[in-house]
PDB file of N, CA and C in Angstrom:
ATOM      1  N   MET A   1     103.103  94.733  82.222  1.00  0.00           N
ATOM      2  CA  MET A   1     101.937  94.090  82.775  1.00  0.00           C
ATOM      3  C   MET A   1     102.256  93.550  84.175  1.00  0.00           C
ATOM      4  N   MET A   2     101.383  93.809  85.105  1.00  0.00           N
ATOM      5  CA  MET A   2     101.601  93.362  86.481  1.00  0.00           C
ATOM      6  C   MET A   2     101.067  91.943  86.659  1.00  0.00           C
ATOM      7  N   SER A   3     101.834  91.113  87.336  1.00  0.00           N
ATOM      8  CA  SER A   3     101.375  89.743  87.625  1.00  0.00           C
ATOM      9  C   SER A   3     100.329  89.779  88.720  1.00  0.00           C
ATOM     10  N   PRO A   4      99.315  88.870  88.638  1.00  0.00           N
ATOM     11  CA  PRO A   4      98.363  88.782  89.724  1.00  0.00           C
ATOM     12  C   PRO A   4      99.041  88.432  91.045  1.00  0.00           C
ATOM     13  N   ARG A   5      98.486  88.917  92.124  1.00  0.00           N
ATOM     14  CA  ARG A   5      99.048  88.629  93.445  1.00  0.00           C
ATOM     15  C   ARG A   5      98.145  87.628  94.162  1.00  0.00           C
ATOM     16  N   TYR A   6      98.631  86.409  94.237  1.00  0.00           N
ATOM     17  CA  TYR A   6      97.889  85.327  94.821  1.00  0.00           C
ATOM     18  C   TYR A   6      98.265  85.114  96.275  1.00  0.00           C
ATOM     19  N   HIS A   7      97.267  84.722  97.064  1.00  0.00           N
ATOM     20  CA  HIS A   7      97.523  84.370  98.461  1.00  0.00           C
ATOM     21  C   HIS A   7      98.343  83.081  98.497  1.00  0.00           C
ATOM     22  N   ILE A   8      99.297  82.992  99.416  1.00  0.00           N
ATOM     23  CA  ILE A   8     100.103  81.806  99.607  1.00  0.00           C
ATOM     24  C   ILE A   8      99.942  81.352 101.054  1.00  0.00           C
ATOM     25  N   ASP A   9      99.500  80.109 101.221  1.00  0.00           N
ATOM     26  CA  ASP A   9      99.472  79.489 102.560  1.00  0.00           C
ATOM     27  C   ASP A   9     100.847  78.895 102.799  1.00  0.00           C
ATOM     28  N   LEU A  10     101.405  79.137 103.955  1.00  0.00           N
ATOM     29  CA  LEU A  10     102.700  78.585 104.323  1.00  0.00           C
ATOM     30  C   LEU A  10     102.571  77.900 105.674  1.00  0.00           C
ATOM     31  N   PHE A  11     102.949  76.624 105.732  1.00  0.00           N
ATOM     32  CA  PHE A  11     102.775  75.850 106.984  1.00  0.00           C
ATOM     33  C   PHE A  11     103.765  74.703 107.051  1.00  0.00           C
ATOM     34  N   TRP A  12     104.015  74.276 108.281  1.00  0.00           N
ATOM     35  CA  TRP A  12     104.860  73.127 108.546  1.00  0.00           C
ATOM     36  C   TRP A  12     104.023  71.888 108.395  1.00  0.00           C
ATOM     37  N   HIS A  13     104.533  70.864 107.736  1.00  0.00           N
ATOM     38  CA  HIS A  13     103.824  69.600 107.518  1.00  0.00           C
ATOM     39  C   HIS A  13     104.592  68.484 108.215  1.00  0.00           C
ATOM     40  N   ASP A  14     104.094  68.062 109.391  1.00  0.00           N
ATOM     41  CA  ASP A  14     104.785  67.049 110.199  1.00  0.00           C
ATOM     42  C   ASP A  14     105.072  65.752 109.457  1.00  0.00           C
ATOM     43  N   PRO A  15     104.099  65.154 108.749  1.00  0.00           N
ATOM     44  CA  PRO A  15     104.384  63.868 108.114  1.00  0.00           C
ATOM     45  C   PRO A  15     105.582  63.878 107.144  1.00  0.00           C
ATOM     46  N   ASP A  16     105.749  64.986 106.421  1.00  0.00           N
ATOM     47  CA  ASP A  16     106.867  65.093 105.497  1.00  0.00           C
ATOM     48  C   ASP A  16     108.053  65.848 106.063  1.00  0.00           C
ATOM     49  N   GLU A  17     107.904  66.395 107.251  1.00  0.00           N
ATOM     50  CA  GLU A  17     108.963  67.144 107.914  1.00  0.00           C
ATOM     51  C   GLU A  17     109.545  68.234 107.018  1.00  0.00           C
ATOM     52  N   CYS A  18     108.635  69.071 106.482  1.00  0.00           N
ATOM     53  CA  CYS A  18     109.063  70.152 105.632  1.00  0.00           C
ATOM     54  C   CYS A  18     108.014  71.280 105.648  1.00  0.00           C
ATOM     55  N   TRP A  19     108.398  72.426 105.144  1.00  0.00           N
ATOM     56  CA  TRP A  19     107.500  73.549 104.974  1.00  0.00           C
ATOM     57  C   TRP A  19     106.769  73.404 103.642  1.00  0.00           C
ATOM     58  N   ILE A  20     105.486  73.730 103.637  1.00  0.00           N
ATOM     59  CA  ILE A  20     104.670  73.681 102.425  1.00  0.00           C
ATOM     60  C   ILE A  20     104.173  75.076 102.116  1.00  0.00           C
ATOM     61  N   ALA A  21     104.254  75.461 100.866  1.00  0.00           N
ATOM     62  CA  ALA A  21     103.667  76.681 100.360  1.00  0.00           C
ATOM     63  C   ALA A  21     102.637  76.311  99.297  1.00  0.00           C
ATOM     64  N   ASN A  22     101.407  76.744  99.506  1.00  0.00           N
ATOM     65  CA  ASN A  22     100.290  76.356  98.655  1.00  0.00           C
ATOM     66  C   ASN A  22      99.583  77.625  98.144  1.00  0.00           C
ATOM     67  N   VAL A  23      99.158  77.589  96.884  1.00  0.00           N
ATOM     68  CA  VAL A  23      98.449  78.716  96.287  1.00  0.00           C
ATOM     69  C   VAL A  23      96.999  78.263  96.024  1.00  0.00           C
ATOM     70  N   PRO A  24      96.075  78.593  96.929  1.00  0.00           N
ATOM     71  CA  PRO A  24      94.708  78.075  96.793  1.00  0.00           C
ATOM     72  C   PRO A  24      93.990  78.448  95.492  1.00  0.00           C
ATOM     73  N   ASP A  25      94.272  79.605  94.933  1.00  0.00           N
ATOM     74  CA  ASP A  25      93.605  80.031  93.688  1.00  0.00           C
ATOM     75  C   ASP A  25      94.095  79.277  92.475  1.00  0.00           C
ATOM     76  N   LEU A  26      95.265  78.657  92.557  1.00  0.00           N
ATOM     77  CA  LEU A  26      95.816  77.921  91.426  1.00  0.00           C
ATOM     78  C   LEU A  26      95.827  76.444  91.756  1.00  0.00           C
ATOM     79  N   LYS A  27      94.823  75.734  91.256  1.00  0.00           N
ATOM     80  CA  LYS A  27      94.618  74.334  91.600  1.00  0.00           C
ATOM     81  C   LYS A  27      95.916  73.523  91.432  1.00  0.00           C
ATOM     82  N   THR A  28      96.265  72.830  92.467  1.00  0.00           N
ATOM     83  CA  THR A  28      97.456  71.934  92.556  1.00  0.00           C
ATOM     84  C   THR A  28      98.801  72.663  92.467  1.00  0.00           C
ATOM     85  N   CYS A  29      98.818  73.962  92.735  1.00  0.00           N
ATOM     86  CA  CYS A  29     100.072  74.689  92.712  1.00  0.00           C
ATOM     87  C   CYS A  29     100.620  74.803  94.135  1.00  0.00           C
ATOM     88  N   SER A  30     101.676  74.062  94.396  1.00  0.00           N
ATOM     89  CA  SER A  30     102.302  74.078  95.713  1.00  0.00           C
ATOM     90  C   SER A  30     103.762  73.706  95.579  1.00  0.00           C
ATOM     91  N   ALA A  31     104.496  73.902  96.663  1.00  0.00           N
ATOM     92  CA  ALA A  31     105.905  73.545  96.695  1.00  0.00           C
ATOM     93  C   ALA A  31     106.288  73.301  98.133  1.00  0.00           C
ATOM     94  N   HIS A  32     107.473  72.787  98.337  1.00  0.00           N
ATOM     95  CA  HIS A  32     107.947  72.520  99.721  1.00  0.00           C
ATOM     96  C   HIS A  32     109.418  72.914  99.828  1.00  0.00           C
ATOM     97  N   GLY A  33     109.877  72.999 101.075  1.00  0.00           N
ATOM     98  CA  GLY A  33     111.276  73.319 101.325  1.00  0.00           C
ATOM     99  C   GLY A  33     111.634  73.041 102.773  1.00  0.00           C
ATOM    100  N   ASP A  34     112.918  73.033 103.060  1.00  0.00           N
ATOM    101  CA  ASP A  34     113.407  72.793 104.407  1.00  0.00           C
ATOM    102  C   ASP A  34     113.220  73.987 105.320  1.00  0.00           C
ATOM    103  N   THR A  35     113.051  75.166 104.727  1.00  0.00           N
ATOM    104  CA  THR A  35     112.827  76.401 105.476  1.00  0.00           C
ATOM    105  C   THR A  35     111.621  77.112 104.858  1.00  0.00           C
ATOM    106  N   PRO A  36     110.983  78.011 105.614  1.00  0.00           N
ATOM    107  CA  PRO A  36     109.866  78.770 105.032  1.00  0.00           C
ATOM    108  C   PRO A  36     110.309  79.559 103.786  1.00  0.00           C
ATOM    109  N   GLU A  37     111.504  80.118 103.864  1.00  0.00           N
ATOM    110  CA  GLU A  37     112.023  80.913 102.738  1.00  0.00           C
ATOM    111  C   GLU A  37     112.194  80.063 101.494  1.00  0.00           C
ATOM    112  N   GLN A  38     112.704  78.856 101.695  1.00  0.00           N
ATOM    113  CA  GLN A  38     112.910  77.958 100.544  1.00  0.00           C
ATOM    114  C   GLN A  38     111.548  77.542  99.947  1.00  0.00           C
ATOM    115  N   ALA A  39     110.573  77.241 100.773  1.00  0.00           N
ATOM    116  CA  ALA A  39     109.240  76.875 100.251  1.00  0.00           C
ATOM    117  C   ALA A  39     108.624  78.032  99.485  1.00  0.00           C
ATOM    118  N   LEU A  40     108.764  79.253  99.993  1.00  0.00           N
ATOM    119  CA  LEU A  40     108.239  80.422  99.298  1.00  0.00           C
ATOM    120  C   LEU A  40     108.927  80.653  97.961  1.00  0.00           C
ATOM    121  N   ALA A  41     110.252  80.507  97.939  1.00  0.00           N
ATOM    122  CA  ALA A  41     110.986  80.671  96.679  1.00  0.00           C
ATOM    123  C   ALA A  41     110.560  79.608  95.658  1.00  0.00           C
ATOM    124  N   GLU A  42     110.392  78.378  96.118  1.00  0.00           N
ATOM    125  CA  GLU A  42     109.998  77.291  95.225  1.00  0.00           C
ATOM    126  C   GLU A  42     108.573  77.495  94.687  1.00  0.00           C
ATOM    127  N   VAL A  43     107.666  77.996  95.537  1.00  0.00           N
ATOM    128  CA  VAL A  43     106.293  78.198  95.048  1.00  0.00           C
ATOM    129  C   VAL A  43     106.226  79.357  94.057  1.00  0.00           C
ATOM    130  N   GLN A  44     107.118  80.319  94.174  1.00  0.00           N
ATOM    131  CA  GLN A  44     107.172  81.392  93.163  1.00  0.00           C
ATOM    132  C   GLN A  44     107.500  80.809  91.780  1.00  0.00           C
ATOM    133  N   VAL A  45     108.439  79.868  91.745  1.00  0.00           N
ATOM    134  CA  VAL A  45     108.810  79.185  90.499  1.00  0.00           C
ATOM    135  C   VAL A  45     107.628  78.368  90.004  1.00  0.00           C
ATOM    136  N   ALA A  46     106.947  77.653  90.911  1.00  0.00           N
ATOM    137  CA  ALA A  46     105.789  76.839  90.530  1.00  0.00           C
ATOM    138  C   ALA A  46     104.657  77.698  89.987  1.00  0.00           C
ATOM    139  N   MET A  47     104.403  78.840  90.604  1.00  0.00           N
ATOM    140  CA  MET A  47     103.343  79.751  90.129  1.00  0.00           C
ATOM    141  C   MET A  47     103.656  80.258  88.734  1.00  0.00           C
ATOM    142  N   GLN A  48     104.894  80.649  88.508  1.00  0.00           N
ATOM    143  CA  GLN A  48     105.283  81.136  87.188  1.00  0.00           C
ATOM    144  C   GLN A  48     105.061  80.067  86.138  1.00  0.00           C
ATOM    145  N   GLY A  49     105.484  78.835  86.421  1.00  0.00           N
ATOM    146  CA  GLY A  49     105.271  77.720  85.501  1.00  0.00           C
ATOM    147  C   GLY A  49     103.794  77.452  85.274  1.00  0.00           C
ATOM    148  N   TRP A  50     103.028  77.451  86.370  1.00  0.00           N
ATOM    149  CA  TRP A  50     101.583  77.202  86.283  1.00  0.00           C
ATOM    150  C   TRP A  50     100.923  78.230  85.335  1.00  0.00           C
ATOM    151  N   LEU A  51     101.239  79.491  85.544  1.00  0.00           N
ATOM    152  CA  LEU A  51     100.629  80.572  84.763  1.00  0.00           C
ATOM    153  C   LEU A  51     101.082  80.506  83.290  1.00  0.00           C
ATOM    154  N   GLU A  52     102.350  80.202  83.063  1.00  0.00           N
ATOM    155  CA  GLU A  52     102.842  80.096  81.678  1.00  0.00           C
ATOM    156  C   GLU A  52     102.153  78.959  80.917  1.00  0.00           C
ATOM    157  N   ILE A  53     102.037  77.807  81.560  1.00  0.00           N
ATOM    158  CA  ILE A  53     101.430  76.654  80.891  1.00  0.00           C
ATOM    159  C   ILE A  53      99.939  76.903  80.666  1.00  0.00           C
ATOM    160  N   ALA A  54      99.235  77.467  81.668  1.00  0.00           N
ATOM    161  CA  ALA A  54      97.826  77.773  81.480  1.00  0.00           C
ATOM    162  C   ALA A  54      97.635  78.748  80.313  1.00  0.00           C
ATOM    163  N   ASN A  55      98.480  79.748  80.223  1.00  0.00           N
ATOM    164  CA  ASN A  55      98.409  80.707  79.136  1.00  0.00           C
ATOM    165  C   ASN A  55      98.693  80.049  77.787  1.00  0.00           C
ATOM    166  N   ASP A  56      99.733  79.233  77.722  1.00  0.00           N
ATOM    167  CA  ASP A  56     100.102  78.546  76.478  1.00  0.00           C
ATOM    168  C   ASP A  56      98.994  77.618  75.990  1.00  0.00           C
ATOM    169  N   MET A  57      98.261  77.031  76.928  1.00  0.00           N
ATOM    170  CA  MET A  57      97.211  76.072  76.562  1.00  0.00           C
ATOM    171  C   MET A  57      95.856  76.751  76.391  1.00  0.00           C
ATOM    172  N   GLY A  58      95.799  78.065  76.593  1.00  0.00           N
ATOM    173  CA  GLY A  58      94.565  78.801  76.410  1.00  0.00           C
ATOM    174  C   GLY A  58      93.594  78.685  77.559  1.00  0.00           C
ATOM    175  N   PHE A  59      94.049  78.249  78.725  1.00  0.00           N
ATOM    176  CA  PHE A  59      93.194  78.138  79.893  1.00  0.00           C
ATOM    177  C   PHE A  59      93.012  79.515  80.547  1.00  0.00           C
ATOM    178  N   ALA A  60      91.871  79.713  81.145  1.00  0.00           N
ATOM    179  CA  ALA A  60      91.605  80.953  81.858  1.00  0.00           C
ATOM    180  C   ALA A  60      92.542  81.085  83.040  1.00  0.00           C
ATOM    181  N   ILE A  61      93.060  82.260  83.239  1.00  0.00           N
ATOM    182  CA  ILE A  61      93.908  82.525  84.416  1.00  0.00           C
ATOM    183  C   ILE A  61      92.970  83.054  85.504  1.00  0.00           C
ATOM    184  N   PRO A  62      92.892  82.344  86.643  1.00  0.00           N
ATOM    185  CA  PRO A  62      91.985  82.789  87.691  1.00  0.00           C
ATOM    186  C   PRO A  62      92.461  84.102  88.321  1.00  0.00           C
ATOM    187  N   GLN A  63      91.487  84.908  88.673  1.00  0.00           N
ATOM    188  CA  GLN A  63      91.768  86.139  89.418  1.00  0.00           C
ATOM    189  C   GLN A  63      92.035  85.767  90.877  1.00  0.00           C
ATOM    190  N   PRO A  64      92.937  86.486  91.539  1.00  0.00           N
ATOM    191  CA  PRO A  64      93.162  86.211  92.969  1.00  0.00           C
ATOM    192  C   PRO A  64      91.880  86.496  93.748  1.00  0.00           C
ATOM    193  N   ARG A  65      91.350  85.468  94.405  1.00  0.00           N
ATOM    194  CA  ARG A  65      90.120  85.621  95.160  1.00  0.00           C
ATOM    195  C   ARG A  65      90.230  85.075  96.586  1.00  0.00           C
ATOM    196  N   TYR A  66      91.055  84.079  96.774  1.00  0.00           N
ATOM    197  CA  TYR A  66      91.127  83.406  98.069  1.00  0.00           C
ATOM    198  C   TYR A  66      91.585  84.367  99.155  1.00  0.00           C
ATOM    199  N   ARG A  67      90.870  84.332 100.287  1.00  0.00           N
ATOM    200  CA  ARG A  67      91.285  85.065 101.488  1.00  0.00           C
ATOM    201  C   ARG A  67      91.039  84.158 102.676  1.00  0.00           C
ATOM    202  N   PRO A  68      91.983  84.041 103.559  1.00  0.00           N
ATOM    203  CA  PRO A  68      91.739  83.251 104.768  1.00  0.00           C
ATOM    204  C   PRO A  68      90.507  83.788 105.487  1.00  0.00           C
ATOM    205  N   ALA A  69      89.821  82.924 106.177  1.00  0.00           N
ATOM    206  CA  ALA A  69      88.583  83.309 106.879  1.00  0.00           C
ATOM    207  C   ALA A  69      88.767  84.540 107.767  1.00  0.00           C
ATOM    208  N   LYS A  70      89.921  84.668 108.425  1.00  0.00           N
ATOM    209  CA  LYS A  70      90.115  85.788 109.299  1.00  0.00           C
ATOM    210  C   LYS A  70      90.198  87.121 108.568  1.00  0.00           C
ATOM    211  N   PHE A  71      90.444  87.111 107.243  1.00  0.00           N
ATOM    212  CA  PHE A  71      90.500  88.313 106.442  1.00  0.00           C
ATOM    213  C   PHE A  71      89.296  88.496 105.547  1.00  0.00           C
ATOM    214  N   ALA A  72      88.447  87.494 105.459  1.00  0.00           N
ATOM    215  CA  ALA A  72      87.264  87.585 104.591  1.00  0.00           C
ATOM    216  C   ALA A  72      86.264  88.611 105.129  1.00  0.00           C
ATOM    217  N   ALA A  73      85.687  89.334 104.220  1.00  0.00           N
ATOM    218  CA  ALA A  73      84.696  90.340 104.607  1.00  0.00           C
ATOM    219  C   ALA A  73      83.308  89.785 104.611  1.00  0.00           C
TER     220      ALA A  73
END
């Protein structure tokens, strides 16, 4: 079974002085790191945990829908 492919926002956050990776389709699923690569690796772990817990609790798994405005049709 193929895992859904969710959009990940990656950005520098000045107040915390770290990189943030956020998954808009998965409410409250985000991670941070000292480098973009670290933030992306951490959000992969967070997404896996988010999906496992949602599945275990019988919650609906959202389909990937988010697209940044510049890619929206």
